[in-house]
Protein backbone atom coordinates (compact mmCIF):
# COMPACT_ATOMS: atom_id res chain seq x y z
CA MET A 1 9.96 0.25 -5.58
CA HIS A 2 7.64 -2.21 -4.13
CA ALA A 3 10.23 -3.64 -1.77
CA LEU A 4 10.89 0.01 -0.41
CA LEU A 5 7.28 0.72 -0.12
CA ASN A 6 7.00 -2.64 1.83
CA ARG A 7 9.78 -1.78 4.15
CA GLY A 8 8.00 1.63 4.91
CA GLU A 9 4.64 -0.13 5.59
CA SER A 10 6.42 -2.77 7.72
CA ILE A 11 7.73 0.20 9.92
CA HIS A 12 4.20 1.74 10.18
CA GLN A 13 2.77 -1.65 11.25
CA LEU A 14 5.43 -1.80 14.02
CA GLN A 15 4.52 1.72 15.16
CA ARG A 16 0.84 0.76 15.35
CA ALA A 17 1.74 -2.29 17.39
CA VAL A 18 3.91 -0.23 19.77
CA TYR A 19 0.85 2.13 20.32
CA HIS A 20 -2.59 1.68 18.82
CA GLY A 21 -5.36 4.12 19.65
CA ARG A 22 -5.52 7.80 20.28
CA VAL A 23 -3.75 10.02 22.65
CA GLY A 24 -6.27 10.96 25.28
CA VAL A 25 -7.95 14.19 25.64
CA SER A 26 -6.13 15.08 28.63
CA ARG A 27 -2.74 14.74 27.00
CA GLY A 28 -1.16 16.02 23.73
CA ARG A 29 -2.74 19.41 23.67
CA ARG A 30 0.34 21.41 23.99
CA ALA A 31 3.33 21.30 21.65
CA ASP A 32 5.80 20.06 24.32
CA GLU A 33 3.20 17.21 25.23
CA LEU A 34 3.00 16.21 21.61
CA ARG A 35 6.75 16.22 21.11
CA ALA A 36 7.22 14.01 24.16
CA ILE A 37 4.63 11.59 23.07
CA SER A 38 6.02 11.48 19.50
CA THR A 39 9.54 11.12 20.71
CA ALA A 40 8.66 8.37 23.15
CA HIS A 41 6.90 6.51 20.27
CA THR A 42 9.73 6.86 18.06
CA LEU A 43 12.12 5.63 20.63
CA LEU A 44 10.12 2.52 21.51
CA THR A 45 10.04 1.74 17.80
CA ASN A 46 13.66 2.21 17.37
CA VAL A 47 14.35 -0.03 20.56
CA VAL A 48 12.51 -2.93 18.87
CA ILE A 49 14.27 -2.37 15.66
CA THR A 50 17.67 -2.30 17.23
CA TRP A 51 16.92 -5.36 19.47
CA ASN A 52 15.89 -7.27 16.42
CA THR A 53 19.01 -6.18 14.43
CA MET A 54 21.21 -7.26 17.36
CA LYS A 55 19.53 -10.67 17.51
CA MET A 56 19.78 -11.10 13.70
CA GLN A 57 23.34 -10.20 13.77
CA ASP A 58 23.95 -12.89 16.46
CA VAL A 59 22.30 -15.55 14.28
CA VAL A 60 24.45 -14.42 11.21
CA ASP A 61 27.49 -14.61 13.27
CA ARG A 62 26.79 -18.08 14.72
CA TRP A 63 25.97 -19.38 11.25
CA LYS A 64 29.26 -17.98 9.86
CA ASP A 65 31.21 -19.59 12.76
CA ALA A 66 29.44 -22.79 12.04
CA LYS A 67 30.22 -22.49 8.26
CA HIS A 68 26.64 -22.52 7.50
CA PRO A 69 26.07 -21.09 3.99
CA ILE A 70 24.44 -17.65 4.00
CA GLU A 71 23.51 -15.94 0.73
CA GLU A 72 24.13 -12.17 0.70
CA SER A 73 20.98 -11.68 -1.42
CA TRP A 74 18.97 -13.30 1.30
CA LEU A 75 20.58 -10.89 3.96
CA ARG A 76 19.63 -7.93 1.80
CA ARG A 77 15.93 -8.95 1.76
CA ILE A 78 15.28 -9.32 5.50
CA GLY A 79 14.47 -6.43 7.69
CA PRO A 80 14.38 -5.99 11.40
CA VAL A 81 10.92 -4.72 11.97
CA HIS A 82 9.13 -7.94 12.76
CA PHE A 83 7.24 -7.89 16.03
CA GLU A 84 5.25 -11.05 16.44
CA HIS A 85 7.68 -12.28 19.20
CA ILE A 86 7.20 -9.24 21.32
CA ASN A 87 4.58 -8.92 24.16
CA PHE A 88 3.62 -5.27 23.97
CA ARG A 89 1.14 -5.52 26.87
CA GLY A 90 3.61 -6.03 29.57
CA THR A 91 5.38 -3.55 31.79
CA ILE A 92 9.01 -2.76 31.20
CA THR A 93 11.10 -1.14 33.83
CA PHE A 94 14.62 0.21 33.58
CA ASN A 95 17.03 1.21 36.25
CA MET A 96 17.41 4.82 35.33
CA ASP A 97 19.38 5.90 38.51
CA PRO A 98 22.88 5.75 36.84
CA TYR A 99 21.58 7.96 33.97
CA ILE A 100 19.50 10.56 35.79
CA ASP A 101 22.16 13.27 35.55
CA ALA A 102 22.70 12.81 31.70
CA LEU A 103 18.89 12.51 31.04
CA ILE A 104 17.50 15.36 33.15
CA GLU A 105 18.73 18.91 32.51
CA ARG A 106 18.70 20.41 35.98
CA ALA A 107 18.40 24.21 36.45
CA PRO A 108 21.58 25.64 38.10
CA LYS A 109 21.30 26.34 41.78
CA GLN A 110 20.61 29.88 42.61
CA ARG A 111 21.83 31.59 45.70
CA SER A 112 19.19 32.78 47.95
CA VAL A 113 19.37 36.63 48.74
CA ARG A 114 18.48 37.76 52.05
CA LEU A 115 16.78 41.06 52.39
CA LYS A 116 17.55 43.11 55.52
């Protein structure tokens, strides 16, 4: 039970590291704004966990290829929520152009009606 509680608290620590502080007065008043903020926070947390999982799997695969002994019980105890190696104060940019159509739901084009 303690291990499960520790995992949950580790995720909360990661979430606090991703964003600490309060949502400003000018933001987060409407339901759609709160949903966008919450979703972005969850997305960033999941990105960190996914990145860590990918890197941990790379190490495990390399160790297995090198015939380095790996105990299964050890693998079950590690979790991908560590964040000491991540600089959260930087700026991350992504090339979104190839994905714009999939990300943004555009309104269908309407024909303009001319009145005579």
